[in-house]
């Protein structure tokens, strides 16, 4: 796995040829159990690295299209799986907890519901007020510049724009770790404000 902008954050990625961009999964290493977000299938190398970091206690899925290899990882590790509450009636895998807007998932990690994306109540996660982790709605196809999911994929563009602007209004965001596309390790608030103004 790759070391990110913090010593306690790691990622592994898969290049998607259809979209010409990377898909990412993230690991937050913490006392009390590591958190994995939107896990892709893992190579033996990455799985061994995860074990050296202490394994995984919690798996957070931002939306049903990002279940990816969560069920397999949970079955191998016993990790608890958390998913977006707005999808609980149709979610494709079993979750131990459903996350609502404003929930503190574990100490220092908060959930924000985004409306209008391709799935109901997609989650964005804010780590210790400075690192935003996104699923599908907020992405980065061009290095250094955030964008929104294309209109054709949105359930409601107006609600999606409102959600992006709400996230952009959160103070102190330094990094934006996208599920799809390039991560931004600095000037996160500026990039979010630029995206919000462009919509």
N, C-alpha and C. Protein backbone atom coordinates (compact mmCIF):
# COMPACT_ATOMS: atom_id res chain seq x y z
N UNK A 1 0.84 -1.19 0.00
CA UNK A 1 0.00 0.00 0.00
C UNK A 1 0.87 1.25 0.00
N UNK A 2 0.29 2.34 -0.37
CA UNK A 2 1.01 3.60 -0.47
C UNK A 2 0.79 4.45 0.78
N UNK A 3 1.87 5.03 1.27
CA UNK A 3 1.79 5.99 2.38
C UNK A 3 1.23 7.30 1.83
N UNK A 4 0.30 7.90 2.57
CA UNK A 4 -0.31 9.16 2.13
C UNK A 4 0.29 10.34 2.89
N UNK A 5 -0.45 11.42 3.01
CA UNK A 5 0.09 12.66 3.56
C UNK A 5 0.22 12.63 5.09
N UNK A 6 -0.37 11.61 5.70
CA UNK A 6 -0.25 11.41 7.14
C UNK A 6 0.37 10.03 7.38
N UNK A 7 1.10 9.90 8.47
CA UNK A 7 1.75 8.62 8.76
C UNK A 7 0.76 7.52 9.09
N UNK A 8 -0.48 7.91 9.43
CA UNK A 8 -1.48 6.91 9.80
C UNK A 8 -2.47 6.62 8.66
N UNK A 9 -2.19 7.11 7.46
CA UNK A 9 -3.09 6.88 6.32
C UNK A 9 -2.36 6.18 5.18
N UNK A 10 -3.02 5.17 4.62
CA UNK A 10 -2.48 4.39 3.52
C UNK A 10 -3.58 4.18 2.48
N UNK A 11 -3.16 3.81 1.27
CA UNK A 11 -4.13 3.56 0.20
C UNK A 11 -3.62 2.47 -0.72
N UNK A 12 -4.55 1.78 -1.36
CA UNK A 12 -4.21 0.94 -2.51
C UNK A 12 -5.21 1.24 -3.61
N UNK A 13 -4.81 1.00 -4.86
CA UNK A 13 -5.56 1.50 -6.01
C UNK A 13 -5.62 0.48 -7.13
N UNK A 14 -6.63 0.67 -7.99
CA UNK A 14 -6.77 -0.12 -9.21
C UNK A 14 -7.07 0.85 -10.34
N UNK A 15 -6.35 0.72 -11.46
CA UNK A 15 -6.63 1.58 -12.61
C UNK A 15 -7.81 1.02 -13.38
N UNK A 16 -8.81 1.89 -13.64
CA UNK A 16 -9.99 1.50 -14.40
C UNK A 16 -9.83 1.96 -15.85
N UNK A 17 -9.68 1.00 -16.75
CA UNK A 17 -9.42 1.34 -18.14
C UNK A 17 -10.63 1.99 -18.81
N UNK A 18 -11.83 1.61 -18.41
CA UNK A 18 -13.02 2.20 -19.03
C UNK A 18 -13.10 3.69 -18.79
N UNK A 19 -12.71 4.13 -17.58
CA UNK A 19 -12.81 5.56 -17.22
C UNK A 19 -11.45 6.27 -17.26
N UNK A 20 -10.38 5.53 -17.46
CA UNK A 20 -9.03 6.11 -17.48
C UNK A 20 -8.70 6.88 -16.20
N UNK A 21 -9.02 6.26 -15.07
CA UNK A 21 -8.67 6.85 -13.79
C UNK A 21 -8.52 5.73 -12.76
N UNK A 22 -7.94 6.10 -11.63
CA UNK A 22 -7.74 5.14 -10.54
C UNK A 22 -8.94 5.11 -9.61
N UNK A 23 -9.25 3.92 -9.11
CA UNK A 23 -10.15 3.75 -7.98
C UNK A 23 -9.27 3.52 -6.75
N UNK A 24 -9.68 4.07 -5.60
CA UNK A 24 -8.86 4.00 -4.40
C UNK A 24 -9.61 3.41 -3.22
N UNK A 25 -8.85 2.78 -2.35
CA UNK A 25 -9.32 2.36 -1.02
C UNK A 25 -8.35 2.91 0.00
N UNK A 26 -8.86 3.18 1.21
CA UNK A 26 -8.05 3.86 2.21
C UNK A 26 -8.05 3.09 3.54
N UNK A 27 -6.95 3.23 4.26
CA UNK A 27 -6.80 2.64 5.59
C UNK A 27 -6.36 3.72 6.56
N UNK A 28 -7.10 3.86 7.65
CA UNK A 28 -6.69 4.73 8.75
C UNK A 28 -6.21 3.83 9.88
N UNK A 29 -4.94 3.95 10.23
CA UNK A 29 -4.34 3.15 11.28
C UNK A 29 -4.52 3.90 12.60
N UNK A 30 -5.16 3.24 13.56
CA UNK A 30 -5.51 3.93 14.81
C UNK A 30 -5.58 2.93 15.96
N UNK A 31 -5.35 3.45 17.16
CA UNK A 31 -5.60 2.64 18.36
C UNK A 31 -7.10 2.38 18.45
N UNK A 32 -7.45 1.19 18.87
CA UNK A 32 -8.87 0.86 18.94
C UNK A 32 -9.38 0.17 17.69
N UNK A 33 -8.50 -0.05 16.71
CA UNK A 33 -8.89 -0.79 15.51
C UNK A 33 -8.81 0.04 14.26
N UNK A 34 -8.14 -0.47 13.25
CA UNK A 34 -7.99 0.24 11.98
C UNK A 34 -9.30 0.30 11.21
N UNK A 35 -9.45 1.37 10.44
CA UNK A 35 -10.63 1.58 9.60
C UNK A 35 -10.22 1.49 8.13
N UNK A 36 -10.93 0.66 7.38
CA UNK A 36 -10.73 0.56 5.93
C UNK A 36 -11.96 1.14 5.25
N UNK A 37 -11.74 1.93 4.20
CA UNK A 37 -12.84 2.61 3.51
C UNK A 37 -12.90 2.14 2.07
N UNK A 38 -14.08 1.65 1.66
CA UNK A 38 -14.36 1.22 0.28
C UNK A 38 -13.31 0.25 -0.26
N UNK A 39 -13.13 -0.91 0.38
CA UNK A 39 -12.02 -1.79 -0.01
C UNK A 39 -12.18 -2.45 -1.38
N UNK A 40 -11.20 -2.22 -2.22
CA UNK A 40 -11.04 -2.94 -3.48
C UNK A 40 -10.43 -4.31 -3.19
N UNK A 41 -10.45 -5.23 -4.16
CA UNK A 41 -9.69 -6.46 -3.98
C UNK A 41 -8.23 -6.14 -3.68
N UNK A 42 -7.62 -6.96 -2.80
CA UNK A 42 -6.25 -6.70 -2.36
C UNK A 42 -5.31 -7.73 -2.96
N UNK A 43 -4.15 -7.26 -3.36
CA UNK A 43 -3.08 -8.18 -3.76
C UNK A 43 -2.53 -8.84 -2.50
N UNK A 44 -1.85 -9.97 -2.64
CA UNK A 44 -1.20 -10.57 -1.46
C UNK A 44 -0.25 -9.60 -0.76
N UNK A 45 0.46 -8.79 -1.55
CA UNK A 45 1.38 -7.81 -0.97
C UNK A 45 0.62 -6.82 -0.08
N UNK A 46 -0.48 -6.25 -0.61
CA UNK A 46 -1.23 -5.26 0.16
C UNK A 46 -1.91 -5.89 1.37
N UNK A 47 -2.40 -7.12 1.21
CA UNK A 47 -3.04 -7.78 2.34
C UNK A 47 -2.03 -8.03 3.45
N UNK A 48 -0.82 -8.44 3.09
CA UNK A 48 0.23 -8.64 4.10
C UNK A 48 0.59 -7.33 4.78
N UNK A 49 0.64 -6.24 4.00
CA UNK A 49 0.93 -4.93 4.57
C UNK A 49 -0.15 -4.53 5.57
N UNK A 50 -1.41 -4.77 5.20
CA UNK A 50 -2.52 -4.45 6.11
C UNK A 50 -2.38 -5.23 7.41
N UNK A 51 -2.00 -6.47 7.33
CA UNK A 51 -1.82 -7.27 8.55
C UNK A 51 -0.68 -6.71 9.40
N UNK A 52 0.39 -6.27 8.78
CA UNK A 52 1.50 -5.68 9.53
C UNK A 52 1.08 -4.39 10.23
N UNK A 53 0.12 -3.69 9.63
CA UNK A 53 -0.38 -2.44 10.23
C UNK A 53 -1.39 -2.70 11.34
N UNK A 54 -1.75 -3.95 11.55
CA UNK A 54 -2.68 -4.27 12.63
C UNK A 54 -4.02 -4.80 12.16
N UNK A 55 -4.14 -5.09 10.87
CA UNK A 55 -5.40 -5.64 10.36
C UNK A 55 -6.49 -4.58 10.22
N UNK A 56 -7.73 -5.02 10.30
CA UNK A 56 -8.85 -4.11 10.15
C UNK A 56 -9.96 -4.49 11.13
N UNK A 57 -10.49 -3.48 11.82
CA UNK A 57 -11.60 -3.69 12.75
C UNK A 57 -12.92 -3.19 12.18
N UNK A 58 -12.85 -2.16 11.33
CA UNK A 58 -14.06 -1.54 10.79
C UNK A 58 -13.90 -1.31 9.29
N UNK A 59 -14.94 -1.60 8.54
CA UNK A 59 -15.00 -1.31 7.11
C UNK A 59 -16.15 -0.34 6.89
N UNK A 60 -15.86 0.81 6.31
CA UNK A 60 -16.90 1.80 6.01
C UNK A 60 -17.09 1.86 4.50
N UNK A 61 -18.35 1.73 4.07
CA UNK A 61 -18.68 1.77 2.65
C UNK A 61 -19.47 3.05 2.39
N UNK A 62 -19.00 3.86 1.46
CA UNK A 62 -19.63 5.16 1.22
C UNK A 62 -20.93 5.05 0.42
N UNK A 63 -21.04 4.03 -0.42
CA UNK A 63 -22.27 3.84 -1.20
C UNK A 63 -22.27 2.42 -1.75
N UNK A 64 -23.42 1.93 -2.19
CA UNK A 64 -23.55 0.53 -2.58
C UNK A 64 -22.70 0.17 -3.79
N UNK A 65 -22.34 1.15 -4.63
CA UNK A 65 -21.47 0.86 -5.76
C UNK A 65 -20.01 0.67 -5.34
N UNK A 66 -19.72 0.96 -4.07
CA UNK A 66 -18.35 0.81 -3.56
C UNK A 66 -18.24 -0.34 -2.55
N UNK A 67 -19.18 -1.29 -2.62
CA UNK A 67 -19.03 -2.48 -1.75
C UNK A 67 -17.77 -3.25 -2.11
N UNK A 68 -17.49 -3.33 -3.41
CA UNK A 68 -16.23 -3.87 -3.92
C UNK A 68 -15.92 -5.21 -3.23
N UNK A 69 -14.81 -5.28 -2.51
CA UNK A 69 -14.42 -6.54 -1.85
C UNK A 69 -14.67 -6.49 -0.34
N UNK A 70 -15.60 -5.66 0.10
CA UNK A 70 -15.83 -5.49 1.54
C UNK A 70 -16.28 -6.78 2.21
N UNK A 71 -17.19 -7.48 1.57
CA UNK A 71 -17.71 -8.70 2.18
C UNK A 71 -16.62 -9.75 2.34
N UNK A 72 -15.76 -9.88 1.34
CA UNK A 72 -14.66 -10.84 1.41
C UNK A 72 -13.68 -10.46 2.50
N UNK A 73 -13.33 -9.17 2.56
CA UNK A 73 -12.38 -8.71 3.58
C UNK A 73 -12.96 -8.93 4.98
N UNK A 74 -14.24 -8.64 5.15
CA UNK A 74 -14.88 -8.84 6.45
C UNK A 74 -14.89 -10.32 6.84
N UNK A 75 -15.14 -11.19 5.86
CA UNK A 75 -15.19 -12.63 6.18
C UNK A 75 -13.83 -13.17 6.58
N UNK A 76 -12.76 -12.56 6.07
CA UNK A 76 -11.40 -13.01 6.40
C UNK A 76 -10.89 -12.42 7.71
N UNK A 77 -11.45 -11.27 8.11
CA UNK A 77 -10.88 -10.55 9.25
C UNK A 77 -11.82 -10.41 10.44
N UNK A 78 -13.11 -10.61 10.22
CA UNK A 78 -14.08 -10.38 11.29
C UNK A 78 -14.41 -8.92 11.50
N UNK A 79 -13.98 -8.05 10.57
CA UNK A 79 -14.26 -6.62 10.71
C UNK A 79 -15.75 -6.34 10.63
N UNK A 80 -16.18 -5.32 11.35
CA UNK A 80 -17.57 -4.85 11.27
C UNK A 80 -17.72 -3.98 10.04
N UNK A 81 -18.84 -4.15 9.33
CA UNK A 81 -19.10 -3.39 8.11
C UNK A 81 -20.18 -2.34 8.40
N UNK A 82 -19.88 -1.10 8.03
CA UNK A 82 -20.81 0.02 8.21
C UNK A 82 -21.19 0.56 6.84
N UNK A 83 -22.48 0.87 6.66
CA UNK A 83 -22.94 1.39 5.37
C UNK A 83 -23.88 2.57 5.54
N UNK A 84 -24.25 3.22 4.42
CA UNK A 84 -25.12 4.40 4.47
C UNK A 84 -26.55 4.04 4.82
N UNK A 85 -27.10 4.72 5.81
CA UNK A 85 -28.43 4.41 6.31
C UNK A 85 -29.51 4.53 5.24
N UNK A 86 -29.34 5.48 4.32
CA UNK A 86 -30.38 5.71 3.31
C UNK A 86 -30.53 4.51 2.36
N UNK A 87 -29.56 3.61 2.35
CA UNK A 87 -29.62 2.45 1.47
C UNK A 87 -29.90 1.14 2.21
N UNK A 88 -30.25 1.20 3.47
CA UNK A 88 -30.30 -0.03 4.25
C UNK A 88 -31.33 -1.03 3.75
N UNK A 89 -32.40 -0.59 3.09
CA UNK A 89 -33.41 -1.53 2.60
C UNK A 89 -32.98 -2.29 1.35
N UNK A 90 -31.99 -1.78 0.64
CA UNK A 90 -31.58 -2.40 -0.63
C UNK A 90 -30.09 -2.71 -0.69
N UNK A 91 -29.36 -2.49 0.39
CA UNK A 91 -27.91 -2.65 0.37
C UNK A 91 -27.55 -4.10 0.07
N UNK A 92 -26.56 -4.33 -0.79
CA UNK A 92 -26.28 -5.70 -1.24
C UNK A 92 -25.56 -6.59 -0.23
N UNK A 93 -25.00 -6.01 0.83
CA UNK A 93 -24.34 -6.85 1.83
C UNK A 93 -24.82 -6.47 3.23
N UNK A 94 -24.61 -7.38 4.16
CA UNK A 94 -25.06 -7.17 5.54
C UNK A 94 -24.13 -6.19 6.25
N UNK A 95 -24.72 -5.24 6.95
CA UNK A 95 -23.94 -4.28 7.73
C UNK A 95 -24.27 -4.41 9.21
N UNK A 96 -23.25 -4.18 10.05
CA UNK A 96 -23.50 -4.20 11.49
C UNK A 96 -24.04 -2.88 12.01
N UNK A 97 -23.85 -1.82 11.22
CA UNK A 97 -24.32 -0.48 11.64
C UNK A 97 -24.61 0.34 10.40
N UNK A 98 -25.66 1.15 10.52
CA UNK A 98 -26.03 2.07 9.44
C UNK A 98 -25.68 3.48 9.86
N UNK A 99 -25.04 4.21 8.97
CA UNK A 99 -24.52 5.54 9.30
C UNK A 99 -25.43 6.64 8.78
N UNK A 100 -25.72 7.57 9.68
CA UNK A 100 -26.57 8.73 9.37
C UNK A 100 -25.73 10.00 9.35
N UNK A 101 -26.32 11.04 8.79
CA UNK A 101 -25.63 12.33 8.71
C UNK A 101 -25.22 12.80 10.09
N UNK A 102 -23.95 13.14 10.23
CA UNK A 102 -23.44 13.66 11.49
C UNK A 102 -22.93 12.61 12.45
N UNK A 103 -23.10 11.33 12.13
CA UNK A 103 -22.64 10.28 13.03
C UNK A 103 -21.12 10.32 13.19
N UNK A 104 -20.67 10.07 14.41
CA UNK A 104 -19.25 9.82 14.64
C UNK A 104 -19.04 8.32 14.53
N UNK A 105 -18.33 7.90 13.51
CA UNK A 105 -18.17 6.48 13.20
C UNK A 105 -17.28 5.82 14.24
N UNK A 106 -16.11 6.38 14.42
CA UNK A 106 -15.22 6.11 15.55
C UNK A 106 -14.69 7.48 15.94
N UNK A 107 -14.03 7.57 17.06
CA UNK A 107 -13.56 8.88 17.52
C UNK A 107 -12.71 9.55 16.44
N UNK A 108 -13.13 10.75 16.03
CA UNK A 108 -12.38 11.52 15.05
C UNK A 108 -12.80 11.34 13.61
N UNK A 109 -13.76 10.46 13.34
CA UNK A 109 -14.21 10.23 11.96
C UNK A 109 -15.72 10.40 11.88
N UNK A 110 -16.16 11.41 11.11
CA UNK A 110 -17.58 11.75 11.02
C UNK A 110 -18.14 11.51 9.62
N UNK A 111 -19.42 11.16 9.59
CA UNK A 111 -20.12 10.89 8.33
C UNK A 111 -21.00 12.07 7.94
N UNK A 112 -21.00 12.38 6.65
CA UNK A 112 -21.89 13.40 6.09
C UNK A 112 -22.66 12.76 4.94
N UNK A 113 -23.99 12.90 4.97
CA UNK A 113 -24.81 12.38 3.88
C UNK A 113 -24.83 13.37 2.72
N UNK A 114 -24.66 12.84 1.52
CA UNK A 114 -24.75 13.64 0.30
C UNK A 114 -26.01 13.22 -0.45
N UNK A 115 -26.77 14.18 -0.89
CA UNK A 115 -28.01 13.90 -1.60
C UNK A 115 -27.83 14.18 -3.09
N UNK A 116 -28.63 13.47 -3.90
CA UNK A 116 -28.65 13.75 -5.34
C UNK A 116 -27.65 12.99 -6.15
N UNK A 117 -26.78 12.18 -5.51
CA UNK A 117 -25.81 11.39 -6.24
C UNK A 117 -26.50 10.19 -6.88
N UNK A 118 -25.74 9.23 -7.37
CA UNK A 118 -26.36 8.10 -8.06
C UNK A 118 -26.98 7.09 -7.10
N UNK A 119 -26.60 7.15 -5.82
CA UNK A 119 -27.23 6.31 -4.80
C UNK A 119 -27.71 7.21 -3.66
N UNK A 120 -28.77 6.82 -2.95
CA UNK A 120 -29.30 7.65 -1.87
C UNK A 120 -28.34 7.75 -0.69
N UNK A 121 -28.19 8.95 -0.16
CA UNK A 121 -27.45 9.14 1.08
C UNK A 121 -26.00 8.73 1.03
N UNK A 122 -25.36 8.88 -0.14
CA UNK A 122 -23.93 8.58 -0.23
C UNK A 122 -23.18 9.31 0.89
N UNK A 123 -22.15 8.68 1.42
CA UNK A 123 -21.42 9.25 2.54
C UNK A 123 -20.12 9.90 2.09
N UNK A 124 -19.81 11.04 2.68
CA UNK A 124 -18.47 11.60 2.67
C UNK A 124 -18.00 11.53 4.12
N UNK A 125 -16.72 11.29 4.32
CA UNK A 125 -16.17 11.10 5.66
C UNK A 125 -15.15 12.18 5.95
N UNK A 126 -15.22 12.73 7.15
CA UNK A 126 -14.26 13.78 7.54
C UNK A 126 -13.43 13.28 8.70
N UNK A 127 -12.13 13.21 8.47
CA UNK A 127 -11.19 12.67 9.46
C UNK A 127 -10.51 13.82 10.19
N UNK A 128 -10.79 13.89 11.48
CA UNK A 128 -10.16 14.89 12.35
C UNK A 128 -10.20 16.29 11.77
N UNK A 129 -11.31 16.61 11.12
CA UNK A 129 -11.64 17.95 10.61
C UNK A 129 -10.75 18.43 9.47
N UNK A 130 -9.77 17.62 9.02
CA UNK A 130 -8.84 18.13 8.03
C UNK A 130 -8.75 17.30 6.75
N UNK A 131 -9.16 16.02 6.80
CA UNK A 131 -9.04 15.15 5.63
C UNK A 131 -10.42 14.65 5.24
N UNK A 132 -10.86 15.01 4.05
CA UNK A 132 -12.16 14.58 3.53
C UNK A 132 -11.95 13.36 2.64
N UNK A 133 -12.76 12.34 2.87
CA UNK A 133 -12.69 11.11 2.06
C UNK A 133 -14.03 10.96 1.36
N UNK A 134 -14.02 10.88 0.04
CA UNK A 134 -15.26 10.88 -0.74
C UNK A 134 -15.45 9.56 -1.48
N UNK A 135 -16.70 9.32 -1.89
CA UNK A 135 -17.03 8.12 -2.64
C UNK A 135 -17.11 8.38 -4.12
N UNK A 136 -18.30 8.80 -4.58
CA UNK A 136 -18.51 9.01 -6.02
C UNK A 136 -18.80 10.46 -6.41
N UNK A 137 -19.57 11.18 -5.59
CA UNK A 137 -20.08 12.48 -6.02
C UNK A 137 -18.95 13.49 -6.26
N UNK A 138 -18.02 13.58 -5.32
CA UNK A 138 -16.89 14.50 -5.45
C UNK A 138 -15.69 13.67 -5.87
N UNK A 139 -15.09 14.03 -7.01
CA UNK A 139 -14.02 13.22 -7.61
C UNK A 139 -12.98 14.14 -8.23
N UNK A 140 -11.98 13.55 -8.87
CA UNK A 140 -10.90 14.37 -9.43
C UNK A 140 -10.35 13.68 -10.67
N UNK A 141 -10.85 14.07 -11.84
CA UNK A 141 -10.40 13.48 -13.10
C UNK A 141 -9.15 14.16 -13.65
N UNK A 142 -8.93 15.41 -13.26
CA UNK A 142 -7.78 16.19 -13.70
C UNK A 142 -6.97 16.56 -12.46
N UNK A 143 -5.70 16.20 -12.44
CA UNK A 143 -4.89 16.40 -11.25
C UNK A 143 -5.00 17.81 -10.68
N UNK A 144 -5.35 17.90 -9.39
CA UNK A 144 -5.42 19.18 -8.71
C UNK A 144 -6.75 19.90 -8.80
N UNK A 145 -7.72 19.36 -9.55
CA UNK A 145 -8.99 20.06 -9.75
C UNK A 145 -10.16 19.10 -9.52
N UNK A 146 -10.96 19.38 -8.50
CA UNK A 146 -12.10 18.52 -8.19
C UNK A 146 -13.22 18.73 -9.21
N UNK A 147 -14.02 17.69 -9.39
CA UNK A 147 -15.21 17.78 -10.23
C UNK A 147 -16.33 16.99 -9.56
N UNK A 148 -17.51 17.08 -10.14
CA UNK A 148 -18.67 16.37 -9.64
C UNK A 148 -19.00 15.23 -10.59
N UNK A 149 -19.64 14.21 -10.07
CA UNK A 149 -20.12 13.11 -10.90
C UNK A 149 -20.89 13.66 -12.09
N UNK A 150 -20.70 13.10 -13.29
CA UNK A 150 -21.40 13.64 -14.47
C UNK A 150 -22.92 13.68 -14.29
N UNK A 151 -23.54 14.67 -14.90
CA UNK A 151 -24.99 14.87 -14.75
C UNK A 151 -25.80 13.63 -15.09
N UNK A 152 -25.37 12.87 -16.08
CA UNK A 152 -26.13 11.69 -16.50
C UNK A 152 -26.21 10.63 -15.40
N UNK A 153 -25.29 10.69 -14.44
CA UNK A 153 -25.26 9.71 -13.35
C UNK A 153 -26.01 10.19 -12.11
N UNK A 154 -26.37 11.47 -12.07
CA UNK A 154 -26.98 12.05 -10.88
C UNK A 154 -28.46 11.73 -10.78
N UNK A 155 -28.91 11.48 -9.56
CA UNK A 155 -30.35 11.31 -9.33
C UNK A 155 -31.05 12.66 -9.31
N UNK A 156 -30.37 13.69 -8.80
CA UNK A 156 -30.97 15.03 -8.70
C UNK A 156 -29.82 16.04 -8.67
N UNK A 157 -29.61 16.74 -9.78
CA UNK A 157 -28.46 17.65 -9.87
C UNK A 157 -28.53 18.78 -8.85
N UNK A 158 -29.71 19.33 -8.63
CA UNK A 158 -29.85 20.43 -7.69
C UNK A 158 -29.45 20.00 -6.28
N UNK A 159 -29.91 18.84 -5.85
CA UNK A 159 -29.55 18.34 -4.53
C UNK A 159 -28.06 18.01 -4.45
N UNK A 160 -27.52 17.49 -5.54
CA UNK A 160 -26.10 17.17 -5.57
C UNK A 160 -25.26 18.44 -5.40
N UNK A 161 -25.64 19.50 -6.09
CA UNK A 161 -24.91 20.78 -5.97
C UNK A 161 -25.00 21.30 -4.54
N UNK A 162 -26.19 21.21 -3.94
CA UNK A 162 -26.35 21.66 -2.56
C UNK A 162 -25.43 20.87 -1.62
N UNK A 163 -25.32 19.57 -1.87
CA UNK A 163 -24.45 18.73 -1.04
C UNK A 163 -23.00 19.12 -1.19
N UNK A 164 -22.56 19.36 -2.42
CA UNK A 164 -21.17 19.77 -2.65
C UNK A 164 -20.90 21.10 -1.95
N UNK A 165 -21.82 22.04 -2.05
CA UNK A 165 -21.62 23.34 -1.42
C UNK A 165 -21.61 23.23 0.10
N UNK A 166 -22.40 22.32 0.64
CA UNK A 166 -22.38 22.10 2.09
C UNK A 166 -21.02 21.58 2.53
N UNK A 167 -20.48 20.61 1.80
CA UNK A 167 -19.17 20.07 2.16
C UNK A 167 -18.09 21.14 2.00
N UNK A 168 -18.20 21.95 0.94
CA UNK A 168 -17.22 23.01 0.71
C UNK A 168 -17.22 24.04 1.84
N UNK A 169 -18.34 24.17 2.53
CA UNK A 169 -18.43 25.17 3.61
C UNK A 169 -17.79 24.69 4.92
N UNK A 170 -17.42 23.42 4.99
CA UNK A 170 -16.78 22.93 6.21
C UNK A 170 -15.38 23.55 6.32
N UNK A 171 -15.04 24.07 7.49
CA UNK A 171 -13.75 24.77 7.63
C UNK A 171 -12.58 23.81 7.80
N UNK A 172 -11.41 24.23 7.32
CA UNK A 172 -10.17 23.56 7.69
C UNK A 172 -9.81 22.31 6.92
N UNK A 173 -10.49 22.03 5.81
CA UNK A 173 -10.16 20.82 5.06
C UNK A 173 -8.85 21.04 4.30
N UNK A 174 -7.89 20.20 4.55
CA UNK A 174 -6.58 20.31 3.90
C UNK A 174 -6.43 19.33 2.74
N UNK A 175 -6.89 18.10 2.94
CA UNK A 175 -6.74 17.06 1.92
C UNK A 175 -8.10 16.51 1.52
N UNK A 176 -8.22 16.14 0.25
CA UNK A 176 -9.44 15.48 -0.25
C UNK A 176 -8.98 14.17 -0.90
N UNK A 177 -9.35 13.06 -0.27
CA UNK A 177 -9.01 11.74 -0.77
C UNK A 177 -10.23 11.19 -1.49
N UNK A 178 -10.18 11.19 -2.80
CA UNK A 178 -11.33 10.78 -3.60
C UNK A 178 -11.35 9.26 -3.78
N UNK A 179 -12.56 8.73 -3.93
CA UNK A 179 -12.69 7.32 -4.28
C UNK A 179 -12.29 7.07 -5.72
N UNK A 180 -12.55 8.05 -6.58
CA UNK A 180 -12.28 7.93 -8.01
C UNK A 180 -11.44 9.12 -8.46
N UNK A 181 -10.29 8.86 -9.07
CA UNK A 181 -9.45 9.93 -9.60
C UNK A 181 -8.30 10.28 -8.66
N UNK A 182 -7.72 11.45 -8.89
CA UNK A 182 -6.54 11.87 -8.14
C UNK A 182 -6.90 12.31 -6.72
N UNK A 183 -6.12 11.94 -5.71
CA UNK A 183 -6.28 12.57 -4.39
C UNK A 183 -5.62 13.95 -4.39
N UNK A 184 -6.10 14.81 -3.51
CA UNK A 184 -5.48 16.11 -3.28
C UNK A 184 -4.94 16.12 -1.86
N UNK A 185 -3.66 16.36 -1.70
CA UNK A 185 -3.05 16.29 -0.39
C UNK A 185 -2.87 17.66 0.26
N UNK A 186 -3.19 18.72 -0.45
CA UNK A 186 -3.07 20.08 0.10
C UNK A 186 -4.11 20.98 -0.57
N UNK A 187 -4.43 22.09 0.08
CA UNK A 187 -5.34 23.10 -0.47
C UNK A 187 -6.73 22.52 -0.77
N UNK A 188 -7.17 21.60 0.09
CA UNK A 188 -8.47 20.96 -0.11
C UNK A 188 -9.63 21.93 -0.08
N UNK A 189 -9.64 22.83 0.89
CA UNK A 189 -10.75 23.80 0.98
C UNK A 189 -10.83 24.67 -0.27
N UNK A 190 -9.66 25.10 -0.76
CA UNK A 190 -9.65 25.94 -1.96
C UNK A 190 -10.22 25.18 -3.16
N UNK A 191 -9.85 23.91 -3.29
CA UNK A 191 -10.36 23.12 -4.41
C UNK A 191 -11.86 22.88 -4.28
N UNK A 192 -12.34 22.66 -3.06
CA UNK A 192 -13.78 22.46 -2.85
C UNK A 192 -14.55 23.75 -3.16
N UNK A 193 -14.02 24.89 -2.71
CA UNK A 193 -14.68 26.18 -3.00
C UNK A 193 -14.69 26.44 -4.51
N UNK A 194 -13.61 26.13 -5.18
CA UNK A 194 -13.55 26.32 -6.63
C UNK A 194 -14.60 25.47 -7.32
N UNK A 195 -14.73 24.20 -6.88
CA UNK A 195 -15.77 23.33 -7.46
C UNK A 195 -17.15 23.89 -7.19
N UNK A 196 -17.42 24.31 -5.95
CA UNK A 196 -18.75 24.82 -5.60
C UNK A 196 -19.10 26.05 -6.43
N UNK A 197 -18.14 26.92 -6.65
CA UNK A 197 -18.40 28.13 -7.46
C UNK A 197 -18.66 27.80 -8.92
N UNK A 198 -18.11 26.69 -9.39
CA UNK A 198 -18.24 26.34 -10.81
C UNK A 198 -19.58 25.70 -11.15
N UNK A 199 -20.34 25.32 -10.14
CA UNK A 199 -21.58 24.57 -10.39
C UNK A 199 -22.78 25.48 -10.58
